[in-house]
Every structure is written in C-alpha cells, then in structure tokens.
Protein backbone atom coordinates (compact mmCIF):
# COMPACT_ATOMS: atom_id res chain seq x y z
CA MET A 1 180.19 -7.16 8.98
CA ARG A 2 179.50 -10.71 7.85
CA ASN A 3 179.31 -11.14 4.06
CA ALA A 4 181.07 -7.83 3.43
CA ARG A 5 183.11 -8.12 0.24
CA VAL A 6 186.85 -7.46 0.29
CA LEU A 7 189.14 -7.12 -2.72
CA TRP A 8 192.66 -8.07 -1.62
CA VAL A 9 195.56 -7.03 -3.86
CA GLU A 10 198.77 -8.85 -3.00
CA ASP A 11 201.74 -9.80 -5.20
CA GLY A 12 202.96 -12.74 -3.12
CA PRO A 13 200.93 -15.94 -3.68
CA SER A 14 201.50 -17.37 -0.18
CA LEU A 15 200.60 -14.11 1.57
CA ARG A 16 197.61 -13.67 -0.72
CA GLU A 17 196.26 -17.11 0.09
CA GLY A 18 196.96 -16.75 3.81
CA HIS A 19 195.15 -13.44 4.11
CA GLN A 20 192.26 -14.77 2.06
CA LYS A 21 191.81 -17.68 4.45
CA ALA A 22 192.12 -15.47 7.54
CA LEU A 23 189.53 -12.98 6.33
CA THR A 24 187.18 -15.73 5.24
CA THR A 25 187.36 -17.12 8.78
CA LEU A 26 186.36 -13.67 10.06
CA GLY A 27 183.23 -13.80 7.89
CA TYR A 28 184.31 -11.73 4.89
CA THR A 29 183.85 -12.70 1.27
CA VAL A 30 187.31 -12.23 -0.23
CA ASP A 31 188.51 -11.96 -3.81
CA ALA A 32 192.31 -11.98 -3.98
CA VAL A 33 194.25 -10.80 -7.03
CA GLU A 34 197.94 -10.35 -7.72
CA ASP A 35 198.21 -6.80 -9.06
CA GLY A 36 196.51 -3.48 -9.67
CA SER A 37 195.54 -4.30 -13.24
CA ALA A 38 193.63 -7.41 -12.17
CA ALA A 39 192.05 -5.43 -9.33
CA THR A 40 190.89 -2.72 -11.73
CA ASP A 41 189.21 -5.37 -13.87
CA ARG A 42 187.45 -6.80 -10.82
CA LEU A 43 186.25 -3.37 -9.72
CA ALA A 44 184.76 -2.81 -13.17
CA SER A 45 182.65 -5.95 -12.93
CA SER A 46 181.96 -6.45 -9.22
CA VAL A 47 180.93 -4.43 -6.16
CA TYR A 48 183.15 -4.40 -3.06
CA ASP A 49 182.89 -2.87 0.39
CA VAL A 50 186.62 -2.33 0.87
CA VAL A 51 189.90 -2.77 -1.00
CA VAL A 52 193.17 -3.78 0.68
CA ARG A 53 196.41 -3.12 -1.24
CA ASP A 54 200.07 -3.78 -0.42
CA LEU A 55 201.81 -0.46 -1.16
CA SER A 56 205.40 -1.55 -0.75
CA ARG A 57 206.08 -3.26 -4.10
CA PRO A 58 206.52 -0.87 -5.84
CA LEU A 59 205.25 2.37 -4.29
CA ALA A 60 204.42 4.12 -7.58
CA HIS A 61 202.21 1.26 -8.72
CA GLY A 62 200.24 1.38 -5.49
CA LEU A 63 199.63 5.11 -5.76
CA ASP A 64 198.65 4.78 -9.42
CA PHE A 65 196.13 2.14 -8.40
CA LEU A 66 194.71 4.39 -5.70
CA ALA A 67 194.36 7.21 -8.22
CA ARG A 68 192.45 4.92 -10.60
CA VAL A 69 190.11 3.79 -7.83
CA ARG A 70 189.39 7.38 -6.84
CA THR A 71 188.68 8.33 -10.45
CA GLU A 72 185.95 5.72 -10.66
CA ASN A 73 184.68 5.58 -7.08
CA LEU A 74 185.16 8.39 -4.55
CA ASP A 75 183.50 6.51 -1.72
CA LEU A 76 185.10 3.05 -1.81
CA PRO A 77 187.37 2.67 1.26
CA VAL A 78 190.93 1.63 0.42
CA VAL A 79 193.23 0.28 3.14
CA LEU A 80 196.90 0.45 2.21
CA MET A 81 199.67 -1.58 3.87
CA THR A 82 203.22 -0.28 3.92
CA PRO A 83 206.35 -0.82 6.03
CA ASP A 84 206.43 2.84 7.13
CA PRO A 85 203.30 4.99 6.59
CA ASP A 86 205.03 8.11 7.96
CA ALA A 87 207.74 7.90 5.29
CA LEU A 88 205.30 7.98 2.38
CA PRO A 89 205.55 11.00 0.09
CA ASP A 90 202.40 13.06 -0.25
CA VAL A 91 202.13 12.49 -4.00
CA GLN A 92 199.49 14.94 -5.22
CA GLY A 93 197.65 14.46 -1.94
CA LEU A 94 197.10 10.75 -2.62
CA LYS A 95 198.34 9.76 0.79
CA HIS A 96 195.20 11.31 2.20
CA GLU A 97 192.87 9.55 -0.23
CA ALA A 98 193.22 6.18 1.48
CA PHE A 99 190.83 5.26 4.27
CA ARG A 100 193.70 4.00 6.41
CA TYR A 101 197.40 3.12 6.23
CA LEU A 102 198.62 0.09 8.18
CA ALA A 103 202.25 -0.48 9.11
CA LYS A 104 203.61 -3.88 8.11
CA PRO A 105 203.71 -6.47 9.50
CA VAL A 106 200.00 -6.11 10.15
CA SER A 107 198.48 -8.04 13.04
CA THR A 108 195.19 -9.87 12.57
CA ASP A 109 193.54 -7.65 15.20
CA ALA A 110 194.71 -4.44 13.52
CA LEU A 111 193.55 -5.66 10.14
CA ALA A 112 190.15 -6.76 11.49
CA GLU A 113 189.64 -3.38 13.19
CA ALA A 114 190.57 -1.48 10.03
CA LEU A 115 188.24 -3.55 7.86
CA GLN A 116 185.36 -3.20 10.30
CA ALA A 117 185.80 0.58 10.37
CA ALA A 118 186.08 0.74 6.57
CA VAL A 119 182.96 -1.34 5.99
CA SER A 120 181.00 0.71 8.54
CA SER A 121 182.08 3.89 6.78
CA ARG A 122 181.03 2.44 3.44
CA GLN A 123 177.62 1.47 4.79
CA ARG A 124 177.03 4.94 6.22
CA MET A 125 177.91 6.53 2.90
CA GLN A 126 175.59 4.16 1.05
CA LEU A 127 172.72 5.08 3.37
CA GLN A 128 173.34 8.76 2.77
CA HIS A 129 173.53 8.32 -1.00
CA ARG A 130 170.24 6.42 -0.93
CA ALA A 131 168.77 9.33 0.97
CA LEU A 132 170.02 11.69 -1.74
CA GLU A 133 168.53 9.46 -4.41
CA ALA A 134 165.22 9.29 -2.54
CA LEU A 135 165.22 13.07 -2.23
CA SER A 136 165.67 13.35 -5.99
CA ARG A 137 163.05 10.73 -6.83
CA GLY A 138 160.56 12.41 -4.52
CA LYS A 139 160.79 15.47 -6.72
CA GLY A 140 160.75 13.47 -9.93
CA VAL A 141 164.37 14.26 -10.74
CA ASP A 142 167.06 11.88 -11.94
CA LEU A 143 170.09 11.84 -9.63
CA LEU A 144 172.30 12.33 -12.69
CA SER A 145 170.64 15.69 -13.31
CA HIS A 146 173.26 17.36 -11.14
CA GLY A 147 171.96 20.91 -11.02
CA SER A 148 168.38 19.87 -10.28
CA THR A 149 169.44 17.43 -7.58
CA LEU A 150 171.56 20.05 -5.82
CA ASP A 151 168.72 22.59 -6.06
CA ILE A 152 166.37 20.10 -4.40
CA ALA A 153 168.88 19.38 -1.65
CA LEU A 154 169.33 23.10 -1.01
CA GLU A 155 165.56 23.57 -0.82
CA THR A 156 165.51 21.14 2.09
CA LEU A 157 168.67 22.48 3.73
CA TRP A 158 168.39 23.26 7.42
CA LEU A 159 170.79 23.89 10.27
CA ALA A 160 171.14 21.90 13.44
CA TYR A 161 172.71 23.60 16.45
CA GLN A 162 174.93 22.08 19.11
CA PRO A 163 175.81 24.09 22.21
CA ILE A 164 179.39 24.90 23.20
CA VAL A 165 179.55 25.28 26.95
CA CYS A 166 181.74 27.01 29.49
CA TRP A 167 181.80 24.37 32.22
CA SER A 168 183.15 26.42 35.15
CA GLU A 169 180.37 29.00 34.72
CA ARG A 170 177.72 26.44 33.69
CA ARG A 171 176.67 28.56 30.73
CA VAL A 172 176.43 28.32 26.96
CA LEU A 173 179.19 30.16 25.11
CA GLY A 174 177.57 29.68 21.73
CA TYR A 175 176.34 27.17 19.17
CA GLU A 176 177.89 25.45 16.20
CA ALA A 177 175.66 25.52 13.12
CA LEU A 178 175.71 22.10 11.46
CA MET A 179 174.35 21.64 7.95
CA ARG A 180 171.64 19.08 7.26
CA ALA A 181 169.39 18.51 4.25
CA GLY A 182 166.28 16.40 3.84
CA ASP A 183 164.43 14.57 6.61
CA PRO A 184 164.10 11.70 7.16
CA PRO A 185 166.83 10.61 6.95
CA PRO A 186 168.83 13.83 6.91
CA LEU A 187 171.78 14.08 4.56
CA LEU A 188 174.96 14.51 6.56
CA PRO A 189 177.35 17.29 5.53
CA GLY A 190 179.95 15.01 3.98
CA VAL A 191 177.51 13.64 1.42
CA LEU A 192 176.12 16.98 0.28
CA LEU A 193 179.49 18.74 0.32
CA GLY A 194 181.17 15.88 -1.53
CA TYR A 195 178.40 15.91 -4.13
CA ALA A 196 178.59 19.70 -4.52
CA GLU A 197 182.38 19.61 -4.77
CA ARG A 198 182.17 16.92 -7.44
CA ILE A 199 179.96 19.09 -9.66
CA GLY A 200 181.73 22.38 -8.89
CA GLN A 201 178.96 23.91 -6.77
CA LEU A 202 180.59 24.05 -3.34
CA ALA A 203 180.35 27.85 -3.18
CA GLU A 204 176.59 27.67 -3.77
CA VAL A 205 176.13 25.39 -0.76
CA GLY A 206 178.31 27.64 1.38
CA ARG A 207 176.22 30.70 0.51
CA HIS A 208 173.00 28.93 1.47
CA VAL A 209 174.47 27.85 4.81
CA ARG A 210 175.78 31.31 5.62
CA SER A 211 172.44 32.89 4.72
CA ARG A 212 170.60 30.53 7.08
CA ALA A 213 173.22 31.10 9.76
CA ALA A 214 172.76 34.87 9.49
CA GLN A 215 169.03 34.47 10.17
CA ALA A 216 169.80 32.29 13.18
CA ALA A 217 172.35 34.75 14.61
CA ASN A 218 169.64 37.38 14.90
CA GLN A 219 167.65 35.02 17.14
CA LEU A 220 170.50 34.32 19.57
CA ALA A 221 170.89 36.01 22.93
CA ALA A 222 173.32 38.92 22.79
CA ASP A 223 176.05 37.08 24.75
CA ARG A 224 176.07 33.98 22.53
CA LEU A 225 178.35 33.26 19.57
CA LEU A 226 177.50 31.35 16.42
CA PHE A 227 180.16 29.05 14.95
CA VAL A 228 179.82 28.65 11.18
CA ASN A 229 181.84 26.05 9.26
CA VAL A 230 183.66 27.24 6.16
CA HIS A 231 185.37 24.82 3.79
CA PRO A 232 188.83 26.05 2.71
CA ASP A 233 187.64 26.29 -0.89
CA GLU A 234 184.99 28.82 0.19
CA LEU A 235 187.75 31.28 1.03
CA ASP A 236 187.93 31.93 -2.71
CA ASP A 237 184.25 32.90 -2.87
CA PRO A 238 183.86 36.71 -3.08
CA ASP A 239 180.51 36.44 -1.27
CA LEU A 240 182.29 35.42 1.93
CA LEU A 241 184.09 38.79 2.07
CA ALA A 242 181.27 40.90 0.63
CA LYS A 243 180.20 43.75 2.89
CA ASP A 244 176.56 43.29 1.87
CA ALA A 245 176.50 39.51 2.44
CA PRO A 246 173.89 38.38 5.03
CA LEU A 247 176.44 36.95 7.45
CA THR A 248 178.63 40.07 7.33
CA ALA A 249 175.87 42.03 9.06
CA VAL A 250 176.30 39.87 12.19
CA ALA A 251 180.05 39.22 11.82
CA PRO A 252 181.01 40.38 15.36
CA ARG A 253 178.88 37.54 16.75
CA VAL A 254 180.17 34.88 14.36
CA VAL A 255 183.17 32.59 14.58
CA ILE A 256 184.35 31.35 11.18
CA GLU A 257 185.32 27.75 11.80
CA LEU A 258 187.81 26.54 9.21
CA THR A 259 187.21 22.84 8.75
CA GLU A 260 190.71 21.78 7.84
CA ARG A 261 189.96 18.28 6.61
CA ALA A 262 191.10 19.79 3.31
CA SER A 263 194.48 21.45 3.44
CA LEU A 264 194.92 25.21 3.75
CA GLU A 265 198.57 24.89 2.80
CA GLY A 266 199.74 26.64 -0.35
CA ARG A 267 196.57 28.68 -0.92
CA ASP A 268 197.37 31.99 -2.58
CA GLY A 269 196.27 35.09 -0.71
CA LEU A 270 195.20 33.21 2.42
CA PRO A 271 196.69 35.68 4.96
CA ALA A 272 195.00 38.60 3.20
CA ARG A 273 191.62 36.83 3.25
CA ILE A 274 191.93 36.00 6.94
CA CYS A 275 192.83 39.64 7.69
CA GLU A 276 189.81 40.83 5.72
CA LEU A 277 187.52 38.47 7.61
CA ARG A 278 188.82 39.93 10.86
CA ARG A 279 188.33 43.49 9.56
CA LEU A 280 184.69 42.60 8.93
CA GLY A 281 184.39 41.55 12.57
CA TYR A 282 184.67 37.76 12.39
CA ARG A 283 186.70 35.65 14.78
CA ILE A 284 188.63 32.67 13.41
CA ALA A 285 188.65 29.12 14.75
CA VAL A 286 190.64 26.14 13.49
CA ASP A 287 188.66 22.91 13.73
CA ASP A 288 189.90 19.32 14.13
CA VAL A 289 193.27 20.17 15.68
CA GLY A 290 194.98 16.85 16.22
CA ALA A 291 193.44 15.10 13.19
CA GLY A 292 193.73 15.37 9.43
CA TYR A 293 195.76 18.37 8.29
CA ALA A 294 195.07 20.61 11.26
CA GLY A 295 198.24 21.02 13.30
CA LEU A 296 200.53 23.53 14.92
CA ALA A 297 201.72 24.92 11.58
CA THR A 298 198.16 25.97 10.75
CA VAL A 299 197.68 27.49 14.18
CA ALA A 300 200.95 29.41 13.84
CA SER A 301 200.10 30.77 10.38
CA LEU A 302 196.48 31.75 11.05
CA GLU A 303 196.80 32.84 14.70
CA PRO A 304 193.18 31.91 15.40
CA GLU A 305 191.25 33.20 18.38
CA ILE A 306 189.93 29.68 19.01
CA VAL A 307 191.09 26.12 18.33
CA LYS A 308 188.94 23.02 18.63
CA LEU A 309 190.60 19.81 19.76
CA ASP A 310 189.50 16.89 17.62
CA ARG A 311 187.46 14.17 19.27
CA CYS A 312 190.30 11.68 18.71
CA LEU A 313 192.29 13.55 21.39
CA CYS A 314 189.37 13.96 23.79
CA GLN A 315 187.46 10.70 23.74
CA GLY A 316 188.82 8.15 26.17
CA ILE A 317 191.36 10.63 27.56
CA HIS A 318 190.66 9.54 31.14
CA ALA A 319 192.17 6.13 30.33
CA HIS A 320 195.15 7.19 28.17
CA ARG A 321 198.15 8.94 29.70
CA THR A 322 199.66 9.89 26.34
CA GLN A 323 196.47 11.66 25.26
CA ARG A 324 196.49 13.62 28.49
CA ARG A 325 200.09 14.71 27.95
CA VAL A 326 199.39 15.81 24.37
CA VAL A 327 196.28 17.77 25.36
CA LYS A 328 198.08 19.35 28.32
CA ALA A 329 200.86 20.54 26.02
CA LEU A 330 198.34 22.00 23.56
CA LEU A 331 196.46 23.75 26.37
CA ASP A 332 199.68 25.25 27.74
CA LEU A 333 200.68 26.48 24.28
CA ALA A 334 197.24 27.94 23.64
CA ARG A 335 197.31 29.72 26.98
CA ASP A 336 200.68 31.31 26.13
CA LEU A 337 199.30 32.42 22.74
CA ARG A 338 196.01 33.62 24.29
CA ILE A 339 193.97 31.20 22.20
CA GLN A 340 190.78 29.69 23.58
CA VAL A 341 190.47 25.90 23.38
CA ILE A 342 187.27 23.92 22.87
CA ALA A 343 187.32 20.15 23.45
CA GLU A 344 185.07 18.39 20.92
CA GLY A 345 183.32 15.04 21.05
CA VAL A 346 182.94 14.95 24.84
CA GLU A 347 180.52 12.13 25.54
CA ASP A 348 181.74 10.63 28.81
CA ALA A 349 181.70 12.18 32.28
CA ALA A 350 185.11 10.71 33.12
CA ASP A 351 186.60 12.41 30.04
CA LEU A 352 185.07 15.71 31.15
CA VAL A 353 186.71 15.35 34.55
CA SER A 354 190.11 14.61 33.00
CA LEU A 355 189.86 17.55 30.61
CA THR A 356 188.83 20.00 33.33
CA THR A 357 191.69 18.76 35.50
CA LEU A 358 194.09 19.52 32.65
CA GLY A 359 192.72 23.06 32.43
CA CYS A 360 190.13 22.88 29.65
CA ASP A 361 186.92 24.78 30.32
CA LEU A 362 185.08 24.91 26.97
CA PHE A 363 183.34 21.78 25.70
CA GLN A 364 181.12 20.43 22.94
CA GLY A 365 179.64 16.97 22.70
CA TYR A 366 176.78 14.57 23.31
CA LEU A 367 177.38 14.71 27.08
CA PHE A 368 175.78 18.15 27.01
CA ALA A 369 173.44 17.98 24.00
CA ARG A 370 173.07 16.46 20.57
CA PRO A 371 172.64 18.77 17.57
CA GLY A 372 169.05 19.82 17.08
CA PRO A 373 166.89 22.28 15.17
CA GLY A 374 166.73 24.81 18.03
CA PHE A 375 169.03 26.47 20.55
CA LEU A 376 168.94 23.89 23.32
CA GLU A 377 169.89 24.96 26.84
CA PRO A 378 171.60 22.09 28.65
CA PRO A 379 170.27 21.54 32.22
CA PHE A 380 173.52 22.34 34.01
CA PRO A 381 174.25 20.97 37.48
CA GLN A 382 175.07 23.65 40.03
CA PRO A 383 178.58 25.17 40.02
CA GLY A 384 181.13 24.02 42.57
CA ASP A 385 181.63 20.39 41.54
CA ALA A 386 183.45 20.75 38.22
CA SER A 387 185.67 17.75 38.95
CA ASP A 388 182.92 15.56 40.37
CA VAL A 389 182.19 12.54 38.17
CA VAL A 390 178.77 12.12 39.74
CA THR A 391 177.81 15.73 39.00
CA ALA A 392 179.11 15.53 35.44
CA GLY A 393 177.25 12.29 35.00
CA ALA A 394 173.96 14.06 35.65
CA PHE A 395 173.88 14.77 31.92
CA GLN A 396 174.05 11.08 31.16
CA ASP A 397 171.07 10.35 33.36
CA ARG A 398 168.75 12.48 31.22
C-alpha cells in the first residue's frame, strides 16, 4: 500500500498533524485539511485512494460531505470516524455509503487495517474499470457513450457456476449462476451492475442474466437446482413475473436469490411480488445473512425457503467462539422455521468441520470449487468422515 494517497479531514490541528505523521510513517502520502469545504477543493484537483473524515463535529456536516463525495465519485472509499457508529441515524441511506465506520478513539492498528482494506478495494475497482474501458476501446466505443458501452458488455456477458454441496451425502445440490462479462480480465458483477444502475439500465442486465440462466437450467441434471441472483430493484421489472419469460419456463428448478446488499425495506408491493414468484414455481433465498442489510427482519418478512450465511460468519469460525454461537443460533432458528441454510465462503477444512459440528450440511466456497464456465463436479471424499479434518482437507490438496 506504499505511496497510496490519503485525504485526512480533521478539525483539530494537533490531531490532524499527529495522524498525518503516523500515516506517513506507515508509508502513505497524506494531505490533511481542516474541513469538508477544503477537502472538496482537494478532491476537485487531486486524486486520492481513500478519504478519512471525523464525523463527530458536527454530524450533519460529515454526512453532507459524504453526499458530495458520492455525487462526484461513487467508487472512492470513505472511512468515517465517530464515537458511536451504532447510534448514527440512517440519513437517506448515507450511513451505508461509507466504506467503513470506526469507533473513536481509533487505535493505530484498526486505522491501518481499515486503510489497507479501503485501498485494496479501490485498486480492485480501478482494475475493473480499466477492463470496462478496454472492452469499449476494443469495439471502438467511447466509455462515455453509455448505451453502446453497456451493449458491448452485454454481448460478452457469460455465467460462471459454483457448486453448492450437501456434505453429508457428498453430492451437489445445485449451482449458483454468477455474472461475468469480458475476458480477460472478466468484469466482476459489482462493476457492471454499478455501471448499469448509474445509467438506469439495471433491468436490462437482469433480463440478459435470466435468459442465459434459463438456457443453463435446461442442461442441468434433473435433481440439481440453479440459484439466480436478483437485485432488489429487479423486483419492479415486469419481465421477472412474466409467464412467457425464459426463466419462468424452468421456475420449479430455480431459486431466486435476493442479494440484499441493497435494502428490501419499504418497497411497495413486495409481499405480492414474492407470492407471485412462488406461484410461478420459484423458491426464494435470502443471500448475505449476517452482513449488510440482510437480517432476521428480512427472513421473517419473506419467509424464504433458503438462507445463505455470509462469509463473514463462516470464515475463521473454527477459531472464534462468538461466531460459532451466532451461527448455532441461526441454524437452530432456521431449523424451527424449516428453512435450509447454506454456509458461503467456505475455504478452510477446519471451518468446514466446525460448521458441520454445529449442524450445517450445505456449503459453497473455494474449498469445493471456484466458479467456472461449466458445471464442475467436486471430487468428493467418501462418506463417513464428515468431521475429519484430513478428509475435508482432501479438497485443498487438489
């Protein structure tokens, strides 16, 4: 992260100078200013990898500053410091527009970790945007020609598939269809979806994905399910509920996976749309439970057939007692409600052992297979050793 540029916004001169020295020692190039107005001027004339802002004096000014940053730059990570992040009001959703909130007083280690994560995120987004630009240039189209650029991206759209496994039976339950575009390097979903959302064409992307997914469903074995991600905004698209839509024809074999990184709360007619999806034959899954907006309130209101535990709850669970208690409680609740649970992001054999011990049996993650263009069959070890670290580790030896 050396030479990454940080814009530090801090009212207090002594704190401003102290943080500037500390971050410089860590290898960052730091510009420190006293208020949001000065920061806005700097952002207009210079390029930064991350912005750090004290949100406590006063709160409204900090949120106004965040809104101005987001108006000009959707991808610039902003780290906000506040005495109590949980007490912040969700002012027009702005609380969720920051990359991270840190509780004051902030330790040097916590600050360094947050900045490293923010800069890494920024670099990944820059790589993906360069890929989008290269895709446009390859077709002789200016990136600012929004419609043409999206059309080109959709022409190169393809689906990667990652297996979801039932561990006790050593079989594949189904596959999640993951959107990609262009190759190499492929555009990750966040870039294309963010771009489409920015120009008001999110529904168009969703239709392309569902059309491709419908073709794939016809190639799956009869006992396999296909999980298809649907952004909450797509619930307003009439094509999703159309009886003659391509995906509707295979609805009984499809799980609509609501990616609740954008809130479902307060959406008019949501219960009716979910009921109609079920009447067409779809099953409903709530993704990312335990992260972002996805929580028990969403599960209670939608009554999904399936929930997917976010990787933040699953990764490293073998070493964290609190994570195990949280996951155990969620598994017990899901069992009482007759909801299936899939643990996402499983990459370590020890985590698999901990999750199976807690009662989880459905898994998705690199331990079994990475997403790929075909329907990969993981080489399962023989049944009978579900809690054996050595057996589970056979995947890691591949």
